[in-house]
Amino acid sequence: MKVSNFLQQLYSLCLKYGLEIFSLDYTDITVFSRIGYSSDVFIQVYLNSKKEKLNLALVISKNRIYGVDKEGGIYHEHPLDNPETHIPLQKGISLEEFILKSIDILKNLGIL
């Protein structure tokens, strides 16, 4: 995905789900952003369009509690119950799917 298209999607999804953009840095091939509800509860987003890599992490109080990322060309999940574990995935996850999963996690934790 082109960086410009991804940025449009990022802005659109933040509006759709009431997320604030706390930081946003990008180049012609990468995007790094933190979006969320507060500086302590956010989704960290990293896109590398050249490597076709999208890494996503739900962070609470500086700790990743859930994530999906790509290493060695293979996507894996860091599950909520043990975020240091790597569970291989057949395919990646879209930014919107990750946002929805994160909202569900935050609701179940009583944060939202």
PDB file of N, CA and C in Angstrom:
ATOM      1  N   MET A   1       0.842  -1.174   0.000  1.00  0.00           N
ATOM      2  CA  MET A   1       0.000   0.000   0.000  1.00  0.00           C
ATOM      3  C   MET A   1       0.891   1.242   0.000  1.00  0.00           C
ATOM      4  N   LYS A   2       0.519   2.205  -0.802  1.00  0.00           N
ATOM      5  CA  LYS A   2       1.244   3.470  -0.845  1.00  0.00           C
ATOM      6  C   LYS A   2       1.058   4.223   0.467  1.00  0.00           C
ATOM      7  N   VAL A   3       2.092   4.939   0.865  1.00  0.00           N
ATOM      8  CA  VAL A   3       2.032   5.711   2.107  1.00  0.00           C
ATOM      9  C   VAL A   3       0.880   6.713   2.068  1.00  0.00           C
ATOM     10  N   SER A   4       0.691   7.384   0.949  1.00  0.00           N
ATOM     11  CA  SER A   4      -0.387   8.383   0.864  1.00  0.00           C
ATOM     12  C   SER A   4      -1.758   7.741   1.080  1.00  0.00           C
ATOM     13  N   ASN A   5      -1.979   6.570   0.518  1.00  0.00           N
ATOM     14  CA  ASN A   5      -3.251   5.860   0.719  1.00  0.00           C
ATOM     15  C   ASN A   5      -3.411   5.423   2.167  1.00  0.00           C
ATOM     16  N   PHE A   6      -2.321   4.947   2.762  1.00  0.00           N
ATOM     17  CA  PHE A   6      -2.377   4.510   4.155  1.00  0.00           C
ATOM     18  C   PHE A   6      -2.685   5.687   5.079  1.00  0.00           C
ATOM     19  N   LEU A   7      -2.077   6.840   4.814  1.00  0.00           N
ATOM     20  CA  LEU A   7      -2.340   8.022   5.638  1.00  0.00           C
ATOM     21  C   LEU A   7      -3.806   8.441   5.548  1.00  0.00           C
ATOM     22  N   GLN A   8      -4.377   8.389   4.348  1.00  0.00           N
ATOM     23  CA  GLN A   8      -5.800   8.707   4.192  1.00  0.00           C
ATOM     24  C   GLN A   8      -6.650   7.746   5.012  1.00  0.00           C
ATOM     25  N   GLN A   9      -6.290   6.458   4.965  1.00  0.00           N
ATOM     26  CA  GLN A   9      -7.014   5.449   5.734  1.00  0.00           C
ATOM     27  C   GLN A   9      -6.868   5.711   7.234  1.00  0.00           C
ATOM     28  N   LEU A  10      -5.676   6.039   7.669  1.00  0.00           N
ATOM     29  CA  LEU A  10      -5.411   6.318   9.082  1.00  0.00           C
ATOM     30  C   LEU A  10      -6.279   7.474   9.576  1.00  0.00           C
ATOM     31  N   TYR A  11      -6.279   8.573   8.840  1.00  0.00           N
ATOM     32  CA  TYR A  11      -7.099   9.732   9.218  1.00  0.00           C
ATOM     33  C   TYR A  11      -8.581   9.362   9.260  1.00  0.00           C
ATOM     34  N   SER A  12      -9.039   8.660   8.246  1.00  0.00           N
ATOM     35  CA  SER A  12     -10.446   8.273   8.156  1.00  0.00           C
ATOM     36  C   SER A  12     -10.864   7.375   9.320  1.00  0.00           C
ATOM     37  N   LEU A  13     -10.028   6.392   9.653  1.00  0.00           N
ATOM     38  CA  LEU A  13     -10.356   5.473  10.747  1.00  0.00           C
ATOM     39  C   LEU A  13     -10.319   6.173  12.104  1.00  0.00           C
ATOM     40  N   CYS A  14      -9.420   7.116  12.269  1.00  0.00           N
ATOM     41  CA  CYS A  14      -9.381   7.874  13.526  1.00  0.00           C
ATOM     42  C   CYS A  14     -10.675   8.660  13.711  1.00  0.00           C
ATOM     43  N   LEU A  15     -11.152   9.284  12.648  1.00  0.00           N
ATOM     44  CA  LEU A  15     -12.430  10.000  12.723  1.00  0.00           C
ATOM     45  C   LEU A  15     -13.577   9.035  12.999  1.00  0.00           C
ATOM     46  N   LYS A  16     -13.590   7.921  12.299  1.00  0.00           N
ATOM     47  CA  LYS A  16     -14.675   6.939  12.421  1.00  0.00           C
ATOM     48  C   LYS A  16     -14.791   6.372  13.833  1.00  0.00           C
ATOM     49  N   TYR A  17     -13.643   6.114  14.487  1.00  0.00           N
ATOM     50  CA  TYR A  17     -13.653   5.456  15.795  1.00  0.00           C
ATOM     51  C   TYR A  17     -13.290   6.381  16.959  1.00  0.00           C
ATOM     52  N   GLY A  18     -13.233   7.679  16.708  1.00  0.00           N
ATOM     53  CA  GLY A  18     -12.984   8.638  17.777  1.00  0.00           C
ATOM     54  C   GLY A  18     -11.596   8.554  18.378  1.00  0.00           C
ATOM     55  N   LEU A  19     -10.608   8.235  17.548  1.00  0.00           N
ATOM     56  CA  LEU A  19      -9.226   8.125  18.016  1.00  0.00           C
ATOM     57  C   LEU A  19      -8.474   9.420  17.752  1.00  0.00           C
ATOM     58  N   GLU A  20      -7.572   9.740  18.628  1.00  0.00           N
ATOM     59  CA  GLU A  20      -6.728  10.921  18.475  1.00  0.00           C
ATOM     60  C   GLU A  20      -5.376  10.487  17.916  1.00  0.00           C
ATOM     61  N   ILE A  21      -4.785  11.312  17.072  1.00  0.00           N
ATOM     62  CA  ILE A  21      -3.435  11.046  16.573  1.00  0.00           C
ATOM     63  C   ILE A  21      -2.465  11.771  17.496  1.00  0.00           C
ATOM     64  N   PHE A  22      -1.690  11.002  18.261  1.00  0.00           N
ATOM     65  CA  PHE A  22      -0.739  11.580  19.215  1.00  0.00           C
ATOM     66  C   PHE A  22       0.610  11.859  18.579  1.00  0.00           C
ATOM     67  N   SER A  23       1.002  11.033  17.628  1.00  0.00           N
ATOM     68  CA  SER A  23       2.239  11.284  16.888  1.00  0.00           C
ATOM     69  C   SER A  23       2.092  10.700  15.498  1.00  0.00           C
ATOM     70  N   LEU A  24       2.769  11.327  14.549  1.00  0.00           N
ATOM     71  CA  LEU A  24       2.735  10.855  13.170  1.00  0.00           C
ATOM     72  C   LEU A  24       4.008  11.310  12.477  1.00  0.00           C
ATOM     73  N   ASP A  25       4.797  10.342  12.057  1.00  0.00           N
ATOM     74  CA  ASP A  25       6.001  10.598  11.268  1.00  0.00           C
ATOM     75  C   ASP A  25       5.941   9.692  10.051  1.00  0.00           C
ATOM     76  N   TYR A  26       6.332  10.218   8.906  1.00  0.00           N
ATOM     77  CA  TYR A  26       6.323   9.375   7.712  1.00  0.00           C
ATOM     78  C   TYR A  26       7.353   9.850   6.700  1.00  0.00           C
ATOM     79  N   THR A  27       7.736   8.895   5.842  1.00  0.00           N
ATOM     80  CA  THR A  27       8.606   9.164   4.702  1.00  0.00           C
ATOM     81  C   THR A  27       7.857   8.667   3.471  1.00  0.00           C
ATOM     82  N   ASP A  28       8.553   8.563   2.355  1.00  0.00           N
ATOM     83  CA  ASP A  28       7.889   8.052   1.154  1.00  0.00           C
ATOM     84  C   ASP A  28       7.626   6.547   1.217  1.00  0.00           C
ATOM     85  N   ILE A  29       8.249   5.823   2.177  1.00  0.00           N
ATOM     86  CA  ILE A  29       8.002   4.380   2.288  1.00  0.00           C
ATOM     87  C   ILE A  29       7.568   3.922   3.681  1.00  0.00           C
ATOM     88  N   THR A  30       7.645   4.784   4.693  1.00  0.00           N
ATOM     89  CA  THR A  30       7.305   4.352   6.050  1.00  0.00           C
ATOM     90  C   THR A  30       6.327   5.313   6.731  1.00  0.00           C
ATOM     91  N   VAL A  31       5.588   4.745   7.687  1.00  0.00           N
ATOM     92  CA  VAL A  31       4.703   5.527   8.556  1.00  0.00           C
ATOM     93  C   VAL A  31       4.899   5.011   9.972  1.00  0.00           C
ATOM     94  N   PHE A  32       5.056   5.922  10.920  1.00  0.00           N
ATOM     95  CA  PHE A  32       5.072   5.570  12.336  1.00  0.00           C
ATOM     96  C   PHE A  32       4.092   6.503  13.029  1.00  0.00           C
ATOM     97  N   SER A  33       3.135   5.913  13.757  1.00  0.00           N
ATOM     98  CA  SER A  33       2.115   6.736  14.402  1.00  0.00           C
ATOM     99  C   SER A  33       1.657   6.102  15.704  1.00  0.00           C
ATOM    100  N   ARG A  34       1.144   6.945  16.569  1.00  0.00           N
ATOM    101  CA  ARG A  34       0.459   6.507  17.787  1.00  0.00           C
ATOM    102  C   ARG A  34      -0.913   7.148  17.768  1.00  0.00           C
ATOM    103  N   ILE A  35      -1.934   6.283  17.804  1.00  0.00           N
ATOM    104  CA  ILE A  35      -3.317   6.748  17.779  1.00  0.00           C
ATOM    105  C   ILE A  35      -4.052   6.120  18.953  1.00  0.00           C
ATOM    106  N   GLY A  36      -5.007   6.832  19.516  1.00  0.00           N
ATOM    107  CA  GLY A  36      -5.727   6.219  20.625  1.00  0.00           C
ATOM    108  C   GLY A  36      -6.574   7.180  21.406  1.00  0.00           C
ATOM    109  N   TYR A  37      -6.716   6.849  22.689  1.00  0.00           N
ATOM    110  CA  TYR A  37      -7.603   7.580  23.583  1.00  0.00           C
ATOM    111  C   TYR A  37      -6.864   8.457  24.581  1.00  0.00           C
ATOM    112  N   SER A  38      -5.621   8.130  24.883  1.00  0.00           N
ATOM    113  CA  SER A  38      -4.802   8.953  25.776  1.00  0.00           C
ATOM    114  C   SER A  38      -3.341   8.607  25.518  1.00  0.00           C
ATOM    115  N   SER A  39      -2.448   9.370  26.117  1.00  0.00           N
ATOM    116  CA  SER A  39      -1.023   9.085  25.928  1.00  0.00           C
ATOM    117  C   SER A  39      -0.612   7.781  26.600  1.00  0.00           C
ATOM    118  N   ASP A  40      -1.473   7.238  27.469  1.00  0.00           N
ATOM    119  CA  ASP A  40      -1.199   5.948  28.118  1.00  0.00           C
ATOM    120  C   ASP A  40      -1.923   4.775  27.461  1.00  0.00           C
ATOM    121  N   VAL A  41      -2.900   5.042  26.621  1.00  0.00           N
ATOM    122  CA  VAL A  41      -3.678   3.985  25.962  1.00  0.00           C
ATOM    123  C   VAL A  41      -3.723   4.307  24.466  1.00  0.00           C
ATOM    124  N   PHE A  42      -2.915   3.580  23.692  1.00  0.00           N
ATOM    125  CA  PHE A  42      -2.824   3.894  22.272  1.00  0.00           C
ATOM    126  C   PHE A  42      -2.449   2.669  21.448  1.00  0.00           C
ATOM    127  N   ILE A  43      -2.627   2.817  20.147  1.00  0.00           N
ATOM    128  CA  ILE A  43      -2.195   1.819  19.178  1.00  0.00           C
ATOM    129  C   ILE A  43      -0.968   2.383  18.484  1.00  0.00           C
ATOM    130  N   GLN A  44       0.099   1.616  18.513  1.00  0.00           N
ATOM    131  CA  GLN A  44       1.314   2.000  17.796  1.00  0.00           C
ATOM    132  C   GLN A  44       1.255   1.362  16.413  1.00  0.00           C
ATOM    133  N   VAL A  45       1.472   2.177  15.394  1.00  0.00           N
ATOM    134  CA  VAL A  45       1.340   1.747  14.003  1.00  0.00           C
ATOM    135  C   VAL A  45       2.671   1.951  13.294  1.00  0.00           C
ATOM    136  N   TYR A  46       3.145   0.906  12.619  1.00  0.00           N
ATOM    137  CA  TYR A  46       4.343   1.023  11.788  1.00  0.00           C
ATOM    138  C   TYR A  46       4.057   0.366  10.446  1.00  0.00           C
ATOM    139  N   LEU A  47       4.218   1.121   9.378  1.00  0.00           N
ATOM    140  CA  LEU A  47       4.060   0.608   8.021  1.00  0.00           C
ATOM    141  C   LEU A  47       5.366   0.796   7.273  1.00  0.00           C
ATOM    142  N   ASN A  48       5.808  -0.246   6.573  1.00  0.00           N
ATOM    143  CA  ASN A  48       6.906  -0.139   5.624  1.00  0.00           C
ATOM    144  C   ASN A  48       6.352  -0.649   4.302  1.00  0.00           C
ATOM    145  N   SER A  49       6.037   0.272   3.405  1.00  0.00           N
ATOM    146  CA  SER A  49       5.382  -0.108   2.154  1.00  0.00           C
ATOM    147  C   SER A  49       6.314  -0.899   1.242  1.00  0.00           C
ATOM    148  N   LYS A  50       7.601  -0.648   1.317  1.00  0.00           N
ATOM    149  CA  LYS A  50       8.563  -1.368   0.479  1.00  0.00           C
ATOM    150  C   LYS A  50       8.639  -2.843   0.881  1.00  0.00           C
ATOM    151  N   LYS A  51       8.605  -3.109   2.179  1.00  0.00           N
ATOM    152  CA  LYS A  51       8.673  -4.485   2.685  1.00  0.00           C
ATOM    153  C   LYS A  51       7.292  -5.116   2.866  1.00  0.00           C
ATOM    154  N   GLU A  52       6.232  -4.354   2.527  1.00  0.00           N
ATOM    155  CA  GLU A  52       4.852  -4.805   2.716  1.00  0.00           C
ATOM    156  C   GLU A  52       4.633  -5.289   4.150  1.00  0.00           C
ATOM    157  N   LYS A  53       5.043  -4.455   5.088  1.00  0.00           N
ATOM    158  CA  LYS A  53       4.997  -4.799   6.514  1.00  0.00           C
ATOM    159  C   LYS A  53       4.119  -3.801   7.258  1.00  0.00           C
ATOM    160  N   LEU A  54       3.171  -4.338   8.045  1.00  0.00           N
ATOM    161  CA  LEU A  54       2.341  -3.520   8.921  1.00  0.00           C
ATOM    162  C   LEU A  54       2.419  -4.119  10.314  1.00  0.00           C
ATOM    163  N   ASN A  55       3.039  -3.410  11.231  1.00  0.00           N
ATOM    164  CA  ASN A  55       3.172  -3.852  12.620  1.00  0.00           C
ATOM    165  C   ASN A  55       2.261  -2.994  13.490  1.00  0.00           C
ATOM    166  N   LEU A  56       1.489  -3.656  14.353  1.00  0.00           N
ATOM    167  CA  LEU A  56       0.498  -2.973  15.176  1.00  0.00           C
ATOM    168  C   LEU A  56       0.584  -3.471  16.606  1.00  0.00           C
ATOM    169  N   ALA A  57       0.505  -2.554  17.554  1.00  0.00           N
ATOM    170  CA  ALA A  57       0.553  -2.939  18.970  1.00  0.00           C
ATOM    171  C   ALA A  57      -0.422  -2.082  19.764  1.00  0.00           C
ATOM    172  N   LEU A  58      -1.176  -2.734  20.636  1.00  0.00           N
ATOM    173  CA  LEU A  58      -2.022  -2.033  21.602  1.00  0.00           C
ATOM    174  C   LEU A  58      -1.189  -1.858  22.862  1.00  0.00           C
ATOM    175  N   VAL A  59      -1.003  -0.609  23.268  1.00  0.00           N
ATOM    176  CA  VAL A  59      -0.115  -0.283  24.384  1.00  0.00           C
ATOM    177  C   VAL A  59      -0.915   0.377  25.504  1.00  0.00           C
ATOM    178  N   ILE A  60      -0.697  -0.112  26.720  1.00  0.00           N
ATOM    179  CA  ILE A  60      -1.276   0.506  27.915  1.00  0.00           C
ATOM    180  C   ILE A  60      -0.146   0.725  28.906  1.00  0.00           C
ATOM    181  N   SER A  61      -0.006   1.954  29.363  1.00  0.00           N
ATOM    182  CA  SER A  61       1.032   2.314  30.344  1.00  0.00           C
ATOM    183  C   SER A  61       2.409   1.783  29.941  1.00  0.00           C
ATOM    184  N   LYS A  62       2.785   2.053  28.695  1.00  0.00           N
ATOM    185  CA  LYS A  62       4.102   1.713  28.140  1.00  0.00           C
ATOM    186  C   LYS A  62       4.339   0.220  27.928  1.00  0.00           C
ATOM    187  N   ASN A  63       3.290  -0.608  28.058  1.00  0.00           N
ATOM    188  CA  ASN A  63       3.422  -2.053  27.860  1.00  0.00           C
ATOM    189  C   ASN A  63       2.535  -2.521  26.716  1.00  0.00           C
ATOM    190  N   ARG A  64       3.128  -3.274  25.782  1.00  0.00           N
ATOM    191  CA  ARG A  64       2.320  -3.881  24.723  1.00  0.00           C
ATOM    192  C   ARG A  64       1.487  -4.986  25.358  1.00  0.00           C
ATOM    193  N   ILE A  65       0.164  -4.882  25.208  1.00  0.00           N
ATOM    194  CA  ILE A  65      -0.689  -5.941  25.758  1.00  0.00           C
ATOM    195  C   ILE A  65      -1.245  -6.850  24.662  1.00  0.00           C
ATOM    196  N   TYR A  66      -1.180  -6.387  23.410  1.00  0.00           N
ATOM    197  CA  TYR A  66      -1.647  -7.176  22.273  1.00  0.00           C
ATOM    198  C   TYR A  66      -0.957  -6.629  21.034  1.00  0.00           C
ATOM    199  N   GLY A  67      -0.687  -7.492  20.058  1.00  0.00           N
ATOM    200  CA  GLY A  67      -0.070  -7.004  18.841  1.00  0.00           C
ATOM    201  C   GLY A  67      -0.111  -7.997  17.703  1.00  0.00           C
ATOM    202  N   VAL A  68       0.107  -7.460  16.516  1.00  0.00           N
ATOM    203  CA  VAL A  68       0.275  -8.258  15.305  1.00  0.00           C
ATOM    204  C   VAL A  68       1.411  -7.617  14.530  1.00  0.00           C
ATOM    205  N   ASP A  69       2.408  -8.425  14.163  1.00  0.00           N
ATOM    206  CA  ASP A  69       3.488  -7.890  13.348  1.00  0.00           C
ATOM    207  C   ASP A  69       4.070  -8.953  12.439  1.00  0.00           C
ATOM    208  N   LYS A  70       5.019  -8.517  11.615  1.00  0.00           N
ATOM    209  CA  LYS A  70       5.587  -9.370  10.578  1.00  0.00           C
ATOM    210  C   LYS A  70       7.093  -9.446  10.759  1.00  0.00           C
ATOM    211  N   GLU A  71       7.599 -10.662  10.864  1.00  0.00           N
ATOM    212  CA  GLU A  71       9.043 -10.894  10.927  1.00  0.00           C
ATOM    213  C   GLU A  71       9.384 -11.998   9.947  1.00  0.00           C
ATOM    214  N   GLY A  72      10.423 -11.788   9.164  1.00  0.00           N
ATOM    215  CA  GLY A  72      10.831 -12.801   8.200  1.00  0.00           C
ATOM    216  C   GLY A  72       9.759 -13.129   7.182  1.00  0.00           C
ATOM    217  N   GLY A  73       8.914 -12.153   6.864  1.00  0.00           N
ATOM    218  CA  GLY A  73       7.866 -12.349   5.879  1.00  0.00           C
ATOM    219  C   GLY A  73       6.628 -13.052   6.400  1.00  0.00           C
ATOM    220  N   ILE A  74       6.588 -13.369   7.697  1.00  0.00           N
ATOM    221  CA  ILE A  74       5.463 -14.100   8.279  1.00  0.00           C
ATOM    222  C   ILE A  74       4.814 -13.258   9.379  1.00  0.00           C
ATOM    223  N   TYR A  75       3.495 -13.108   9.279  1.00  0.00           N
ATOM    224  CA  TYR A  75       2.767 -12.396  10.325  1.00  0.00           C
ATOM    225  C   TYR A  75       2.554 -13.295  11.526  1.00  0.00           C
ATOM    226  N   HIS A  76       2.588 -12.694  12.690  1.00  0.00           N
ATOM    227  CA  HIS A  76       2.281 -13.423  13.920  1.00  0.00           C
ATOM    228  C   HIS A  76       1.574 -12.484  14.891  1.00  0.00           C
ATOM    229  N   GLU A  77       0.868 -13.117  15.813  1.00  0.00           N
ATOM    230  CA  GLU A  77       0.092 -12.392  16.817  1.00  0.00           C
ATOM    231  C   GLU A  77       0.770 -12.514  18.174  1.00  0.00           C
ATOM    232  N   HIS A  78       0.709 -11.433  18.934  1.00  0.00           N
ATOM    233  CA  HIS A  78       1.126 -11.413  20.340  1.00  0.00           C
ATOM    234  C   HIS A  78      -0.174 -11.372  21.139  1.00  0.00           C
ATOM    235  N   PRO A  79      -0.646 -12.521  21.648  1.00  0.00           N
ATOM    236  CA  PRO A  79      -1.968 -12.582  22.275  1.00  0.00           C
ATOM    237  C   PRO A  79      -2.061 -11.808  23.585  1.00  0.00           C
ATOM    238  N   LEU A  80      -3.272 -11.411  23.908  1.00  0.00           N
ATOM    239  CA  LEU A  80      -3.550 -10.625  25.110  1.00  0.00           C
ATOM    240  C   LEU A  80      -3.076 -11.323  26.377  1.00  0.00           C
ATOM    241  N   ASP A  81      -3.287 -12.630  26.471  1.00  0.00           N
ATOM    242  CA  ASP A  81      -2.933 -13.339  27.702  1.00  0.00           C
ATOM    243  C   ASP A  81      -1.435 -13.560  27.872  1.00  0.00           C
ATOM    244  N   ASN A  82      -0.660 -13.430  26.780  1.00  0.00           N
ATOM    245  CA  ASN A  82       0.795 -13.570  26.862  1.00  0.00           C
ATOM    246  C   ASN A  82       1.426 -12.850  25.674  1.00  0.00           C
ATOM    247  N   PRO A  83       1.540 -11.517  25.751  1.00  0.00           N
ATOM    248  CA  PRO A  83       1.979 -10.743  24.595  1.00  0.00           C
ATOM    249  C   PRO A  83       3.422 -10.979  24.143  1.00  0.00           C
ATOM    250  N   GLU A  84       4.202 -11.721  24.914  1.00  0.00           N
ATOM    251  CA  GLU A  84       5.568 -12.043  24.478  1.00  0.00           C
ATOM    252  C   GLU A  84       5.594 -13.265  23.559  1.00  0.00           C
ATOM    253  N   THR A  85       4.476 -13.992  23.498  1.00  0.00           N
ATOM    254  CA  THR A  85       4.358 -15.182  22.659  1.00  0.00           C
ATOM    255  C   THR A  85       4.138 -14.784  21.205  1.00  0.00           C
ATOM    256  N   HIS A  86       4.615 -15.605  20.275  1.00  0.00           N
ATOM    257  CA  HIS A  86       4.385 -15.420  18.844  1.00  0.00           C
ATOM    258  C   HIS A  86       3.507 -16.557  18.346  1.00  0.00           C
ATOM    259  N   ILE A  87       2.313 -16.229  17.857  1.00  0.00           N
ATOM    260  CA  ILE A  87       1.419 -17.220  17.269  1.00  0.00           C
ATOM    261  C   ILE A  87       1.330 -16.916  15.773  1.00  0.00           C
ATOM    262  N   PRO A  88       1.846 -17.812  14.913  1.00  0.00           N
ATOM    263  CA  PRO A  88       1.827 -17.555  13.465  1.00  0.00           C
ATOM    264  C   PRO A  88       0.405 -17.355  12.941  1.00  0.00           C
ATOM    265  N   LEU A  89       0.272 -16.446  11.985  1.00  0.00           N
ATOM    266  CA  LEU A  89      -1.009 -16.174  11.332  1.00  0.00           C
ATOM    267  C   LEU A  89      -0.898 -16.502   9.847  1.00  0.00           C
ATOM    268  N   GLN A  90      -1.998 -16.910   9.251  1.00  0.00           N
ATOM    269  CA  GLN A  90      -2.029 -17.201   7.813  1.00  0.00           C
ATOM    270  C   GLN A  90      -1.860 -15.926   6.987  1.00  0.00           C
ATOM    271  N   LYS A  91      -2.378 -14.814   7.521  1.00  0.00           N
ATOM    272  CA  LYS A  91      -2.296 -13.535   6.813  1.00  0.00           C
ATOM    273  C   LYS A  91      -2.257 -12.415   7.837  1.00  0.00           C
ATOM    274  N   GLY A  92      -1.949 -11.229   7.352  1.00  0.00           N
ATOM    275  CA  GLY A  92      -1.905 -10.069   8.229  1.00  0.00           C
ATOM    276  C   GLY A  92      -3.305  -9.610   8.611  1.00  0.00           C
ATOM    277  N   ILE A  93      -3.357  -8.500   9.286  1.00  0.00           N
ATOM    278  CA  ILE A  93      -4.614  -7.919   9.749  1.00  0.00           C
ATOM    279  C   ILE A  93      -4.635  -6.470   9.265  1.00  0.00           C
ATOM    280  N   SER A  94      -5.799  -6.002   8.892  1.00  0.00           N
ATOM    281  CA  SER A  94      -5.898  -4.612   8.447  1.00  0.00           C
ATOM    282  C   SER A  94      -5.877  -3.681   9.656  1.00  0.00           C
ATOM    283  N   LEU A  95      -5.585  -2.426   9.394  1.00  0.00           N
ATOM    284  CA  LEU A  95      -5.597  -1.437  10.470  1.00  0.00           C
ATOM    285  C   LEU A  95      -6.983  -1.365  11.108  1.00  0.00           C
ATOM    286  N   GLU A  96      -8.025  -1.378  10.305  1.00  0.00           N
ATOM    287  CA  GLU A  96      -9.380  -1.303  10.866  1.00  0.00           C
ATOM    288  C   GLU A  96      -9.699  -2.535  11.715  1.00  0.00           C
ATOM    289  N   GLU A  97      -9.330  -3.721  11.249  1.00  0.00           N
ATOM    290  CA  GLU A  97      -9.563  -4.936  12.040  1.00  0.00           C
ATOM    291  C   GLU A  97      -8.840  -4.851  13.382  1.00  0.00           C
ATOM    292  N   PHE A  98      -7.617  -4.325  13.361  1.00  0.00           N
ATOM    293  CA  PHE A  98      -6.848  -4.209  14.600  1.00  0.00           C
ATOM    294  C   PHE A  98      -7.488  -3.188  15.542  1.00  0.00           C
ATOM    295  N   ILE A  99      -7.949  -2.075  15.000  1.00  0.00           N
ATOM    296  CA  ILE A  99      -8.625  -1.068  15.824  1.00  0.00           C
ATOM    297  C   ILE A  99      -9.856  -1.676  16.489  1.00  0.00           C
ATOM    298  N   LEU A 100     -10.656  -2.399  15.722  1.00  0.00           N
ATOM    299  CA  LEU A 100     -11.866  -3.017  16.282  1.00  0.00           C
ATOM    300  C   LEU A 100     -11.520  -4.032  17.368  1.00  0.00           C
ATOM    301  N   LYS A 101     -10.498  -4.837  17.144  1.00  0.00           N
ATOM    302  CA  LYS A 101     -10.062  -5.817  18.152  1.00  0.00           C
ATOM    303  C   LYS A 101      -9.569  -5.083  19.400  1.00  0.00           C
ATOM    304  N   SER A 102      -8.829  -3.995  19.212  1.00  0.00           N
ATOM    305  CA  SER A 102      -8.310  -3.215  20.341  1.00  0.00           C
ATOM    306  C   SER A 102      -9.439  -2.583  21.145  1.00  0.00           C
ATOM    307  N   ILE A 103     -10.438  -2.045  20.463  1.00  0.00           N
ATOM    308  CA  ILE A 103     -11.595  -1.468  21.154  1.00  0.00           C
ATOM    309  C   ILE A 103     -12.286  -2.538  21.988  1.00  0.00           C
ATOM    310  N   ASP A 104     -12.452  -3.724  21.418  1.00  0.00           N
ATOM    311  CA  ASP A 104     -13.074  -4.832  22.144  1.00  0.00           C
ATOM    312  C   ASP A 104     -12.260  -5.198  23.387  1.00  0.00           C
ATOM    313  N   ILE A 105     -10.944  -5.278  23.241  1.00  0.00           N
ATOM    314  CA  ILE A 105     -10.065  -5.588  24.381  1.00  0.00           C
ATOM    315  C   ILE A 105     -10.206  -4.521  25.461  1.00  0.00           C
ATOM    316  N   LEU A 106     -10.176  -3.247  25.064  1.00  0.00           N
ATOM    317  CA  LEU A 106     -10.265  -2.154  26.032  1.00  0.00           C
ATOM    318  C   LEU A 106     -11.619  -2.141  26.745  1.00  0.00           C
ATOM    319  N   LYS A 107     -12.679  -2.480  26.035  1.00  0.00           N
ATOM    320  CA  LYS A 107     -14.003  -2.579  26.673  1.00  0.00           C
ATOM    321  C   LYS A 107     -14.020  -3.717  27.685  1.00  0.00           C
ATOM    322  N   ASN A 108     -13.470  -4.866  27.303  1.00  0.00           N
ATOM    323  CA  ASN A 108     -13.438  -6.018  28.212  1.00  0.00           C
ATOM    324  C   ASN A 108     -12.588  -5.755  29.449  1.00  0.00           C
ATOM    325  N   LEU A 109     -11.579  -4.905  29.317  1.00  0.00           N
ATOM    326  CA  LEU A 109     -10.732  -4.543  30.456  1.00  0.00           C
ATOM    327  C   LEU A 109     -11.341  -3.419  31.296  1.00  0.00           C
ATOM    328  N   GLY A 110     -12.473  -2.862  30.828  1.00  0.00           N
ATOM    329  CA  GLY A 110     -13.132  -1.781  31.556  1.00  0.00           C
ATOM    330  C   GLY A 110     -12.483  -0.424  31.364  1.00  0.00           C
ATOM    331  N   ILE A 111     -11.654  -0.299  30.340  1.00  0.00           N
ATOM    332  CA  ILE A 111     -10.971   0.973  30.076  1.00  0.00           C
ATOM    333  C   ILE A 111     -11.855   1.889  29.237  1.00  0.00           C
ATOM    334  N   LEU A 112     -12.678   1.307  28.380  1.00  0.00           N
ATOM    335  CA  LEU A 112     -13.631   2.090  27.570  1.00  0.00           C
ATOM    336  C   LEU A 112     -15.045   1.821  28.037  1.00  0.00           C
TER     337      LEU A 112
END
